[in-house]
Amino acid sequence: MKTRHALLGFVLAGSCIWPAIAQDKPQPPASRPEASARHEPPPQAFADCKGKKAGDAIEHATPEGKVAATCQESPKGLVARPKQPK
Protein backbone atom coordinates (compact mmCIF):
# COMPACT_ATOMS: atom_id res chain seq x y z
CA MET A 1 0.00 0.00 0.00
CA LYS A 2 2.86 2.37 0.84
CA THR A 3 4.38 1.72 -2.56
CA ARG A 4 1.12 2.54 -4.27
CA HIS A 5 0.84 5.87 -2.34
CA ALA A 6 4.47 6.70 -3.06
CA LEU A 7 3.99 6.01 -6.76
CA LEU A 8 0.78 8.06 -6.81
CA GLY A 9 2.55 10.93 -5.03
CA PHE A 10 5.43 10.76 -7.52
CA VAL A 11 3.08 10.84 -10.50
CA LEU A 12 1.06 13.73 -9.08
CA ALA A 13 4.19 15.72 -8.21
CA GLY A 14 5.57 15.13 -11.70
CA SER A 15 2.34 16.27 -13.32
CA CYS A 16 2.49 19.52 -11.33
CA ILE A 17 6.14 20.22 -12.13
CA TRP A 18 6.09 19.22 -15.80
CA PRO A 19 4.01 22.21 -17.05
CA ALA A 20 6.43 24.60 -15.31
CA ILE A 21 9.42 22.89 -16.93
CA ALA A 22 7.73 22.76 -20.33
CA GLN A 23 7.10 26.52 -20.27
CA ASP A 24 10.83 27.23 -19.88
CA LYS A 25 11.51 25.56 -23.22
CA PRO A 26 12.44 28.21 -25.83
CA GLN A 27 9.87 28.73 -28.54
CA PRO A 28 10.93 28.14 -32.15
CA PRO A 29 11.30 31.34 -34.18
CA ALA A 30 8.50 32.30 -36.52
CA SER A 31 9.11 31.17 -40.06
CA ARG A 32 9.13 34.67 -41.58
CA PRO A 33 7.26 37.51 -39.91
CA GLU A 34 5.76 40.13 -42.15
CA ALA A 35 7.83 43.28 -42.68
CA SER A 36 5.32 45.42 -40.80
CA ALA A 37 5.53 43.11 -37.80
CA ARG A 38 9.34 43.26 -37.78
CA HIS A 39 9.94 46.95 -38.17
CA GLU A 40 7.97 50.10 -38.82
CA PRO A 41 9.90 52.90 -40.59
CA PRO A 42 10.23 56.09 -38.57
CA PRO A 43 8.08 59.08 -39.58
CA GLN A 44 11.22 60.84 -40.86
CA ALA A 45 11.67 58.10 -43.50
CA PHE A 46 8.30 59.07 -44.99
CA ALA A 47 8.97 62.80 -44.64
CA ASP A 48 12.31 62.54 -46.47
CA CYS A 49 10.55 61.14 -49.56
CA LYS A 50 7.71 63.66 -49.62
CA GLY A 51 7.50 65.13 -53.13
CA LYS A 52 9.90 62.48 -54.53
CA LYS A 53 9.38 59.50 -56.84
CA ALA A 54 10.17 55.83 -56.29
CA GLY A 55 13.83 55.23 -57.12
CA ASP A 56 14.97 58.78 -56.29
CA ALA A 57 18.29 58.90 -54.40
CA ILE A 58 18.09 61.04 -51.25
CA GLU A 59 19.83 61.66 -47.94
CA HIS A 60 17.79 60.25 -45.06
CA ALA A 61 18.09 62.03 -41.71
CA THR A 62 18.73 59.70 -38.75
CA PRO A 63 19.70 60.38 -35.14
CA GLU A 64 23.27 59.41 -36.10
CA GLY A 65 23.35 61.78 -39.09
CA LYS A 66 22.40 61.68 -42.76
CA VAL A 67 22.73 58.47 -44.76
CA ALA A 68 22.35 57.70 -48.47
CA ALA A 69 18.94 56.22 -49.20
CA THR A 70 16.49 55.48 -51.98
CA CYS A 71 12.78 56.22 -51.98
CA GLN A 72 10.73 53.04 -52.32
CA GLU A 73 7.03 52.25 -52.42
CA SER A 74 5.57 50.72 -49.28
CA PRO A 75 2.02 49.86 -48.20
CA LYS A 76 1.94 53.15 -46.27
CA GLY A 77 3.46 55.32 -49.01
CA LEU A 78 6.86 56.33 -50.31
CA VAL A 79 9.58 55.67 -47.73
CA ALA A 80 13.35 56.18 -47.53
CA ARG A 81 15.31 52.94 -47.45
CA PRO A 82 18.98 53.37 -46.49
CA LYS A 83 21.49 51.85 -48.88
CA GLN A 84 23.19 48.80 -47.43
CA PRO A 85 27.00 48.75 -47.43
CA LYS A 86 28.52 46.04 -49.65
PDB file of N, CA and C in Angstrom:
ATOM      1  N   MET A   1       0.821  -1.192   0.000  1.00  0.00           N
ATOM      2  CA  MET A   1       0.000   0.000   0.000  1.00  0.00           C
ATOM      3  C   MET A   1       0.862   1.251   0.000  1.00  0.00           C
ATOM      4  N   LYS A   2       1.966   1.217   0.795  1.00  0.00           N
ATOM      5  CA  LYS A   2       2.855   2.371   0.842  1.00  0.00           C
ATOM      6  C   LYS A   2       3.463   2.633  -0.528  1.00  0.00           C
ATOM      7  N   THR A   3       3.784   1.573  -1.227  1.00  0.00           N
ATOM      8  CA  THR A   3       4.378   1.720  -2.559  1.00  0.00           C
ATOM      9  C   THR A   3       3.396   2.372  -3.506  1.00  0.00           C
ATOM     10  N   ARG A   4       2.153   1.973  -3.405  1.00  0.00           N
ATOM     11  CA  ARG A   4       1.124   2.545  -4.271  1.00  0.00           C
ATOM     12  C   ARG A   4       0.961   4.045  -3.985  1.00  0.00           C
ATOM     13  N   HIS A   5       0.959   4.458  -2.715  1.00  0.00           N
ATOM     14  CA  HIS A   5       0.839   5.868  -2.343  1.00  0.00           C
ATOM     15  C   HIS A   5       2.071   6.655  -2.785  1.00  0.00           C
ATOM     16  N   ALA A   6       3.233   6.039  -2.639  1.00  0.00           N
ATOM     17  CA  ALA A   6       4.474   6.705  -3.058  1.00  0.00           C
ATOM     18  C   ALA A   6       4.464   6.913  -4.567  1.00  0.00           C
ATOM     19  N   LEU A   7       4.049   5.904  -5.295  1.00  0.00           N
ATOM     20  CA  LEU A   7       3.988   6.014  -6.756  1.00  0.00           C
ATOM     21  C   LEU A   7       2.962   7.055  -7.169  1.00  0.00           C
ATOM     22  N   LEU A   8       1.814   7.072  -6.517  1.00  0.00           N
ATOM     23  CA  LEU A   8       0.784   8.055  -6.815  1.00  0.00           C
ATOM     24  C   LEU A   8       1.291   9.463  -6.514  1.00  0.00           C
ATOM     25  N   GLY A   9       1.976   9.627  -5.383  1.00  0.00           N
ATOM     26  CA  GLY A   9       2.552  10.932  -5.031  1.00  0.00           C
ATOM     27  C   GLY A   9       3.587  11.370  -6.048  1.00  0.00           C
ATOM     28  N   PHE A  10       4.411  10.447  -6.514  1.00  0.00           N
ATOM     29  CA  PHE A  10       5.426  10.756  -7.519  1.00  0.00           C
ATOM     30  C   PHE A  10       4.786  11.193  -8.839  1.00  0.00           C
ATOM     31  N   VAL A  11       3.765  10.499  -9.257  1.00  0.00           N
ATOM     32  CA  VAL A  11       3.076  10.837 -10.501  1.00  0.00           C
ATOM     33  C   VAL A  11       2.406  12.199 -10.390  1.00  0.00           C
ATOM     34  N   LEU A  12       1.735  12.451  -9.271  1.00  0.00           N
ATOM     35  CA  LEU A  12       1.059  13.734  -9.084  1.00  0.00           C
ATOM     36  C   LEU A  12       2.064  14.883  -9.012  1.00  0.00           C
ATOM     37  N   ALA A  13       3.156  14.680  -8.306  1.00  0.00           N
ATOM     38  CA  ALA A  13       4.186  15.719  -8.208  1.00  0.00           C
ATOM     39  C   ALA A  13       4.774  15.995  -9.593  1.00  0.00           C
ATOM     40  N   GLY A  14       5.024  14.966 -10.352  1.00  0.00           N
ATOM     41  CA  GLY A  14       5.569  15.133 -11.699  1.00  0.00           C
ATOM     42  C   GLY A  14       4.613  15.864 -12.609  1.00  0.00           C
ATOM     43  N   SER A  15       3.327  15.597 -12.457  1.00  0.00           N
ATOM     44  CA  SER A  15       2.343  16.266 -13.316  1.00  0.00           C
ATOM     45  C   SER A  15       2.212  17.738 -12.965  1.00  0.00           C
ATOM     46  N   CYS A  16       2.542  18.111 -11.729  1.00  0.00           N
ATOM     47  CA  CYS A  16       2.493  19.519 -11.333  1.00  0.00           C
ATOM     48  C   CYS A  16       3.743  20.266 -11.777  1.00  0.00           C
ATOM     49  N   ILE A  17       4.870  19.589 -11.773  1.00  0.00           N
ATOM     50  CA  ILE A  17       6.140  20.224 -12.133  1.00  0.00           C
ATOM     51  C   ILE A  17       6.312  20.288 -13.653  1.00  0.00           C
ATOM     52  N   TRP A  18       5.865  19.290 -14.353  1.00  0.00           N
ATOM     53  CA  TRP A  18       6.094  19.219 -15.798  1.00  0.00           C
ATOM     54  C   TRP A  18       5.615  20.459 -16.562  1.00  0.00           C
ATOM     55  N   PRO A  19       4.416  21.004 -16.309  1.00  0.00           N
ATOM     56  CA  PRO A  19       4.015  22.211 -17.048  1.00  0.00           C
ATOM     57  C   PRO A  19       4.966  23.388 -16.814  1.00  0.00           C
ATOM     58  N   ALA A  20       5.492  23.510 -15.593  1.00  0.00           N
ATOM     59  CA  ALA A  20       6.428  24.600 -15.313  1.00  0.00           C
ATOM     60  C   ALA A  20       7.724  24.405 -16.092  1.00  0.00           C
ATOM     61  N   ILE A  21       8.200  23.179 -16.179  1.00  0.00           N
ATOM     62  CA  ILE A  21       9.425  22.895 -16.933  1.00  0.00           C
ATOM     63  C   ILE A  21       9.179  23.099 -18.422  1.00  0.00           C
ATOM     64  N   ALA A  22       8.043  22.654 -18.909  1.00  0.00           N
ATOM     65  CA  ALA A  22       7.733  22.763 -20.332  1.00  0.00           C
ATOM     66  C   ALA A  22       7.644  24.217 -20.775  1.00  0.00           C
ATOM     67  N   GLN A  23       7.219  25.113 -19.898  1.00  0.00           N
ATOM     68  CA  GLN A  23       7.097  26.519 -20.268  1.00  0.00           C
ATOM     69  C   GLN A  23       8.456  27.184 -20.421  1.00  0.00           C
ATOM     70  N   ASP A  24       9.489  26.655 -19.765  1.00  0.00           N
ATOM     71  CA  ASP A  24      10.831  27.233 -19.878  1.00  0.00           C
ATOM     72  C   ASP A  24      11.497  26.888 -21.202  1.00  0.00           C
ATOM     73  N   LYS A  25      10.942  25.968 -21.930  1.00  0.00           N
ATOM     74  CA  LYS A  25      11.507  25.559 -23.217  1.00  0.00           C
ATOM     75  C   LYS A  25      11.399  26.716 -24.201  1.00  0.00           C
ATOM     76  N   PRO A  26      12.506  27.089 -24.878  1.00  0.00           N
ATOM     77  CA  PRO A  26      12.437  28.206 -25.831  1.00  0.00           C
ATOM     78  C   PRO A  26      11.515  27.887 -26.998  1.00  0.00           C
ATOM     79  N   GLN A  27      10.793  28.887 -27.419  1.00  0.00           N
ATOM     80  CA  GLN A  27       9.869  28.726 -28.537  1.00  0.00           C
ATOM     81  C   GLN A  27      10.635  28.811 -29.850  1.00  0.00           C
ATOM     82  N   PRO A  28      10.268  28.034 -30.856  1.00  0.00           N
ATOM     83  CA  PRO A  28      10.933  28.138 -32.151  1.00  0.00           C
ATOM     84  C   PRO A  28      10.614  29.482 -32.796  1.00  0.00           C
ATOM     85  N   PRO A  29      11.567  30.051 -33.530  1.00  0.00           N
ATOM     86  CA  PRO A  29      11.303  31.340 -34.178  1.00  0.00           C
ATOM     87  C   PRO A  29      10.234  31.209 -35.251  1.00  0.00           C
ATOM     88  N   ALA A  30       9.511  32.289 -35.460  1.00  0.00           N
ATOM     89  CA  ALA A  30       8.496  32.301 -36.516  1.00  0.00           C
ATOM     90  C   ALA A  30       9.180  32.108 -37.854  1.00  0.00           C
ATOM     91  N   SER A  31       8.498  31.477 -38.775  1.00  0.00           N
ATOM     92  CA  SER A  31       9.114  31.166 -40.059  1.00  0.00           C
ATOM     93  C   SER A  31       9.583  32.421 -40.791  1.00  0.00           C
ATOM     94  N   ARG A  32       8.751  33.415 -40.926  1.00  0.00           N
ATOM     95  CA  ARG A  32       9.133  34.674 -41.575  1.00  0.00           C
ATOM     96  C   ARG A  32       8.069  35.702 -41.255  1.00  0.00           C
ATOM     97  N   PRO A  33       8.284  36.512 -40.228  1.00  0.00           N
ATOM     98  CA  PRO A  33       7.265  37.510 -39.908  1.00  0.00           C
ATOM     99  C   PRO A  33       7.143  38.537 -41.022  1.00  0.00           C
ATOM    100  N   GLU A  34       5.963  39.113 -41.135  1.00  0.00           N
ATOM    101  CA  GLU A  34       5.761  40.135 -42.154  1.00  0.00           C
ATOM    102  C   GLU A  34       6.620  41.348 -41.840  1.00  0.00           C
ATOM    103  N   ALA A  35       6.967  42.115 -42.861  1.00  0.00           N
ATOM    104  CA  ALA A  35       7.827  43.276 -42.681  1.00  0.00           C
ATOM    105  C   ALA A  35       7.236  44.256 -41.680  1.00  0.00           C
ATOM    106  N   SER A  36       5.924  44.460 -41.718  1.00  0.00           N
ATOM    107  CA  SER A  36       5.316  45.416 -40.797  1.00  0.00           C
ATOM    108  C   SER A  36       5.403  44.942 -39.355  1.00  0.00           C
ATOM    109  N   ALA A  37       5.415  43.637 -39.146  1.00  0.00           N
ATOM    110  CA  ALA A  37       5.528  43.114 -37.798  1.00  0.00           C
ATOM    111  C   ALA A  37       6.964  43.231 -37.286  1.00  0.00           C
ATOM    112  N   ARG A  38       7.937  43.172 -38.172  1.00  0.00           N
ATOM    113  CA  ARG A  38       9.339  43.257 -37.777  1.00  0.00           C
ATOM    114  C   ARG A  38       9.743  44.672 -37.443  1.00  0.00           C
ATOM    115  N   HIS A  39       9.417  45.606 -38.333  1.00  0.00           N
ATOM    116  CA  HIS A  39       9.943  46.950 -38.166  1.00  0.00           C
ATOM    117  C   HIS A  39       9.060  47.955 -38.900  1.00  0.00           C
ATOM    118  N   GLU A  40       8.746  49.017 -38.229  1.00  0.00           N
ATOM    119  CA  GLU A  40       7.966  50.104 -38.822  1.00  0.00           C
ATOM    120  C   GLU A  40       8.927  51.260 -39.081  1.00  0.00           C
ATOM    121  N   PRO A  41       9.006  51.774 -40.314  1.00  0.00           N
ATOM    122  CA  PRO A  41       9.904  52.897 -40.590  1.00  0.00           C
ATOM    123  C   PRO A  41       9.529  54.112 -39.747  1.00  0.00           C
ATOM    124  N   PRO A  42      10.533  54.899 -39.349  1.00  0.00           N
ATOM    125  CA  PRO A  42      10.231  56.091 -38.568  1.00  0.00           C
ATOM    126  C   PRO A  42       9.521  57.139 -39.424  1.00  0.00           C
ATOM    127  N   PRO A  43       8.787  58.043 -38.817  1.00  0.00           N
ATOM    128  CA  PRO A  43       8.083  59.079 -39.580  1.00  0.00           C
ATOM    129  C   PRO A  43       9.016  59.881 -40.484  1.00  0.00           C
ATOM    130  N   GLN A  44      10.263  60.078 -40.054  1.00  0.00           N
ATOM    131  CA  GLN A  44      11.221  60.837 -40.859  1.00  0.00           C
ATOM    132  C   GLN A  44      11.494  60.157 -42.201  1.00  0.00           C
ATOM    133  N   ALA A  45      11.432  58.828 -42.251  1.00  0.00           N
ATOM    134  CA  ALA A  45      11.672  58.097 -43.499  1.00  0.00           C
ATOM    135  C   ALA A  45      10.599  58.434 -44.533  1.00  0.00           C
ATOM    136  N   PHE A  46       9.376  58.673 -44.082  1.00  0.00           N
ATOM    137  CA  PHE A  46       8.303  59.073 -44.995  1.00  0.00           C
ATOM    138  C   PHE A  46       8.449  60.550 -45.375  1.00  0.00           C
ATOM    139  N   ALA A  47       8.814  61.368 -44.385  1.00  0.00           N
ATOM    140  CA  ALA A  47       8.969  62.804 -44.636  1.00  0.00           C
ATOM    141  C   ALA A  47      10.093  63.085 -45.632  1.00  0.00           C
ATOM    142  N   ASP A  48      11.178  62.326 -45.568  1.00  0.00           N
ATOM    143  CA  ASP A  48      12.314  62.542 -46.467  1.00  0.00           C
ATOM    144  C   ASP A  48      11.959  62.271 -47.927  1.00  0.00           C
ATOM    145  N   CYS A  49      10.945  61.460 -48.179  1.00  0.00           N
ATOM    146  CA  CYS A  49      10.550  61.140 -49.556  1.00  0.00           C
ATOM    147  C   CYS A  49       9.344  61.941 -50.038  1.00  0.00           C
ATOM    148  N   LYS A  50       8.860  62.853 -49.213  1.00  0.00           N
ATOM    149  CA  LYS A  50       7.712  63.661 -49.616  1.00  0.00           C
ATOM    150  C   LYS A  50       8.082  64.484 -50.854  1.00  0.00           C
ATOM    151  N   GLY A  51       7.255  64.401 -51.886  1.00  0.00           N
ATOM    152  CA  GLY A  51       7.495  65.127 -53.135  1.00  0.00           C
ATOM    153  C   GLY A  51       8.494  64.435 -54.053  1.00  0.00           C
ATOM    154  N   LYS A  52       8.937  63.244 -53.712  1.00  0.00           N
ATOM    155  CA  LYS A  52       9.896  62.482 -54.526  1.00  0.00           C
ATOM    156  C   LYS A  52       9.166  61.367 -55.265  1.00  0.00           C
ATOM    157  N   LYS A  53       9.915  60.651 -56.105  1.00  0.00           N
ATOM    158  CA  LYS A  53       9.384  59.500 -56.837  1.00  0.00           C
ATOM    159  C   LYS A  53      10.127  58.246 -56.394  1.00  0.00           C
ATOM    160  N   ALA A  54       9.507  57.098 -56.590  1.00  0.00           N
ATOM    161  CA  ALA A  54      10.167  55.828 -56.290  1.00  0.00           C
ATOM    162  C   ALA A  54      11.446  55.727 -57.112  1.00  0.00           C
ATOM    163  N   GLY A  55      12.529  55.361 -56.448  1.00  0.00           N
ATOM    164  CA  GLY A  55      13.826  55.226 -57.116  1.00  0.00           C
ATOM    165  C   GLY A  55      14.714  56.449 -56.963  1.00  0.00           C
ATOM    166  N   ASP A  56      14.156  57.580 -56.491  1.00  0.00           N
ATOM    167  CA  ASP A  56      14.968  58.780 -56.286  1.00  0.00           C
ATOM    168  C   ASP A  56      15.988  58.547 -55.179  1.00  0.00           C
ATOM    169  N   ALA A  57      17.235  58.976 -55.410  1.00  0.00           N
ATOM    170  CA  ALA A  57      18.292  58.903 -54.399  1.00  0.00           C
ATOM    171  C   ALA A  57      18.176  60.146 -53.515  1.00  0.00           C
ATOM    172  N   ILE A  58      18.223  59.931 -52.205  1.00  0.00           N
ATOM    173  CA  ILE A  58      18.094  61.036 -51.254  1.00  0.00           C
ATOM    174  C   ILE A  58      19.077  60.836 -50.109  1.00  0.00           C
ATOM    175  N   GLU A  59      19.127  61.821 -49.215  1.00  0.00           N
ATOM    176  CA  GLU A  59      19.826  61.665 -47.942  1.00  0.00           C
ATOM    177  C   GLU A  59      18.760  61.585 -46.863  1.00  0.00           C
ATOM    178  N   HIS A  60      18.790  60.505 -46.111  1.00  0.00           N
ATOM    179  CA  HIS A  60      17.793  60.247 -45.058  1.00  0.00           C
ATOM    180  C   HIS A  60      18.374  60.693 -43.721  1.00  0.00           C
ATOM    181  N   ALA A  61      17.642  61.534 -43.013  1.00  0.00           N
ATOM    182  CA  ALA A  61      18.089  62.035 -41.714  1.00  0.00           C
ATOM    183  C   ALA A  61      17.814  61.004 -40.625  1.00  0.00           C
ATOM    184  N   THR A  62      18.856  60.635 -39.869  1.00  0.00           N
ATOM    185  CA  THR A  62      18.732  59.701 -38.746  1.00  0.00           C
ATOM    186  C   THR A  62      19.317  60.369 -37.507  1.00  0.00           C
ATOM    187  N   PRO A  63      19.088  59.811 -36.341  1.00  0.00           N
ATOM    188  CA  PRO A  63      19.696  60.381 -35.135  1.00  0.00           C
ATOM    189  C   PRO A  63      21.234  60.387 -35.191  1.00  0.00           C
ATOM    190  N   GLU A  64      21.821  59.477 -35.973  1.00  0.00           N
ATOM    191  CA  GLU A  64      23.275  59.405 -36.097  1.00  0.00           C
ATOM    192  C   GLU A  64      23.816  60.322 -37.197  1.00  0.00           C
ATOM    193  N   GLY A  65      22.943  60.918 -37.981  1.00  0.00           N
ATOM    194  CA  GLY A  65      23.350  61.780 -39.094  1.00  0.00           C
ATOM    195  C   GLY A  65      22.640  61.376 -40.367  1.00  0.00           C
ATOM    196  N   LYS A  66      23.048  61.991 -41.476  1.00  0.00           N
ATOM    197  CA  LYS A  66      22.404  61.684 -42.759  1.00  0.00           C
ATOM    198  C   LYS A  66      23.075  60.488 -43.414  1.00  0.00           C
ATOM    199  N   VAL A  67      22.244  59.645 -44.049  1.00  0.00           N
ATOM    200  CA  VAL A  67      22.735  58.471 -44.762  1.00  0.00           C
ATOM    201  C   VAL A  67      22.127  58.442 -46.156  1.00  0.00           C
ATOM    202  N   ALA A  68      22.862  57.856 -47.098  1.00  0.00           N
ATOM    203  CA  ALA A  68      22.353  57.704 -48.467  1.00  0.00           C
ATOM    204  C   ALA A  68      21.187  56.723 -48.450  1.00  0.00           C
ATOM    205  N   ALA A  69      20.134  57.067 -49.163  1.00  0.00           N
ATOM    206  CA  ALA A  69      18.936  56.223 -49.196  1.00  0.00           C
ATOM    207  C   ALA A  69      18.255  56.348 -50.549  1.00  0.00           C
ATOM    208  N   THR A  70      17.307  55.476 -50.772  1.00  0.00           N
ATOM    209  CA  THR A  70      16.494  55.481 -51.984  1.00  0.00           C
ATOM    210  C   THR A  70      15.031  55.453 -51.567  1.00  0.00           C
ATOM    211  N   CYS A  71      14.212  56.231 -52.253  1.00  0.00           N
ATOM    212  CA  CYS A  71      12.776  56.221 -51.983  1.00  0.00           C
ATOM    213  C   CYS A  71      12.161  54.983 -52.621  1.00  0.00           C
ATOM    214  N   GLN A  72      11.382  54.251 -51.830  1.00  0.00           N
ATOM    215  CA  GLN A  72      10.728  53.039 -52.319  1.00  0.00           C
ATOM    216  C   GLN A  72       9.265  53.037 -51.901  1.00  0.00           C
ATOM    217  N   GLU A  73       8.455  52.391 -52.734  1.00  0.00           N
ATOM    218  CA  GLU A  73       7.031  52.248 -52.419  1.00  0.00           C
ATOM    219  C   GLU A  73       6.877  51.300 -51.240  1.00  0.00           C
ATOM    220  N   SER A  74       5.924  51.597 -50.384  1.00  0.00           N
ATOM    221  CA  SER A  74       5.566  50.718 -49.278  1.00  0.00           C
ATOM    222  C   SER A  74       4.044  50.760 -49.149  1.00  0.00           C
ATOM    223  N   PRO A  75       3.471  49.839 -48.377  1.00  0.00           N
ATOM    224  CA  PRO A  75       2.019  49.861 -48.201  1.00  0.00           C
ATOM    225  C   PRO A  75       1.506  51.178 -47.609  1.00  0.00           C
ATOM    226  N   LYS A  76       2.359  51.901 -46.892  1.00  0.00           N
ATOM    227  CA  LYS A  76       1.939  53.154 -46.272  1.00  0.00           C
ATOM    228  C   LYS A  76       2.431  54.383 -47.030  1.00  0.00           C
ATOM    229  N   GLY A  77       2.990  54.194 -48.204  1.00  0.00           N
ATOM    230  CA  GLY A  77       3.455  55.324 -49.006  1.00  0.00           C
ATOM    231  C   GLY A  77       4.944  55.243 -49.299  1.00  0.00           C
ATOM    232  N   LEU A  78       5.453  56.277 -49.935  1.00  0.00           N
ATOM    233  CA  LEU A  78       6.855  56.333 -50.311  1.00  0.00           C
ATOM    234  C   LEU A  78       7.712  56.490 -49.053  1.00  0.00           C
ATOM    235  N   VAL A  79       8.758  55.680 -48.938  1.00  0.00           N
ATOM    236  CA  VAL A  79       9.585  55.665 -47.732  1.00  0.00           C
ATOM    237  C   VAL A  79      11.067  55.578 -48.111  1.00  0.00           C
ATOM    238  N   ALA A  80      11.905  56.231 -47.309  1.00  0.00           N
ATOM    239  CA  ALA A  80      13.352  56.181 -47.527  1.00  0.00           C
ATOM    240  C   ALA A  80      13.903  54.863 -47.002  1.00  0.00           C
ATOM    241  N   ARG A  81      14.663  54.182 -47.854  1.00  0.00           N
ATOM    242  CA  ARG A  81      15.313  52.940 -47.450  1.00  0.00           C
ATOM    243  C   ARG A  81      16.817  53.151 -47.556  1.00  0.00           C
ATOM    244  N   PRO A  82      17.536  53.155 -46.438  1.00  0.00           N
ATOM    245  CA  PRO A  82      18.980  53.370 -46.489  1.00  0.00           C
ATOM    246  C   PRO A  82      19.670  52.339 -47.343  1.00  0.00           C
ATOM    247  N   LYS A  83      20.713  52.767 -48.057  1.00  0.00           N
ATOM    248  CA  LYS A  83      21.491  51.853 -48.881  1.00  0.00           C
ATOM    249  C   LYS A  83      22.356  51.010 -47.956  1.00  0.00           C
ATOM    250  N   GLN A  84      22.396  49.729 -48.243  1.00  0.00           N
ATOM    251  CA  GLN A  84      23.189  48.799 -47.425  1.00  0.00           C
ATOM    252  C   GLN A  84      24.631  48.783 -47.928  1.00  0.00           C
ATOM    253  N   PRO A  85      25.613  48.844 -47.003  1.00  0.00           N
ATOM    254  CA  PRO A  85      27.000  48.755 -47.434  1.00  0.00           C
ATOM    255  C   PRO A  85      27.290  47.370 -48.026  1.00  0.00           C
ATOM    256  N   LYS A  86      28.193  47.323 -48.992  1.00  0.00           N
ATOM    257  CA  LYS A  86      28.519  46.045 -49.646  1.00  0.00           C
ATOM    258  C   LYS A  86      29.465  45.222 -48.819  1.00  0.00           C
TER     259      LYS A  86
END
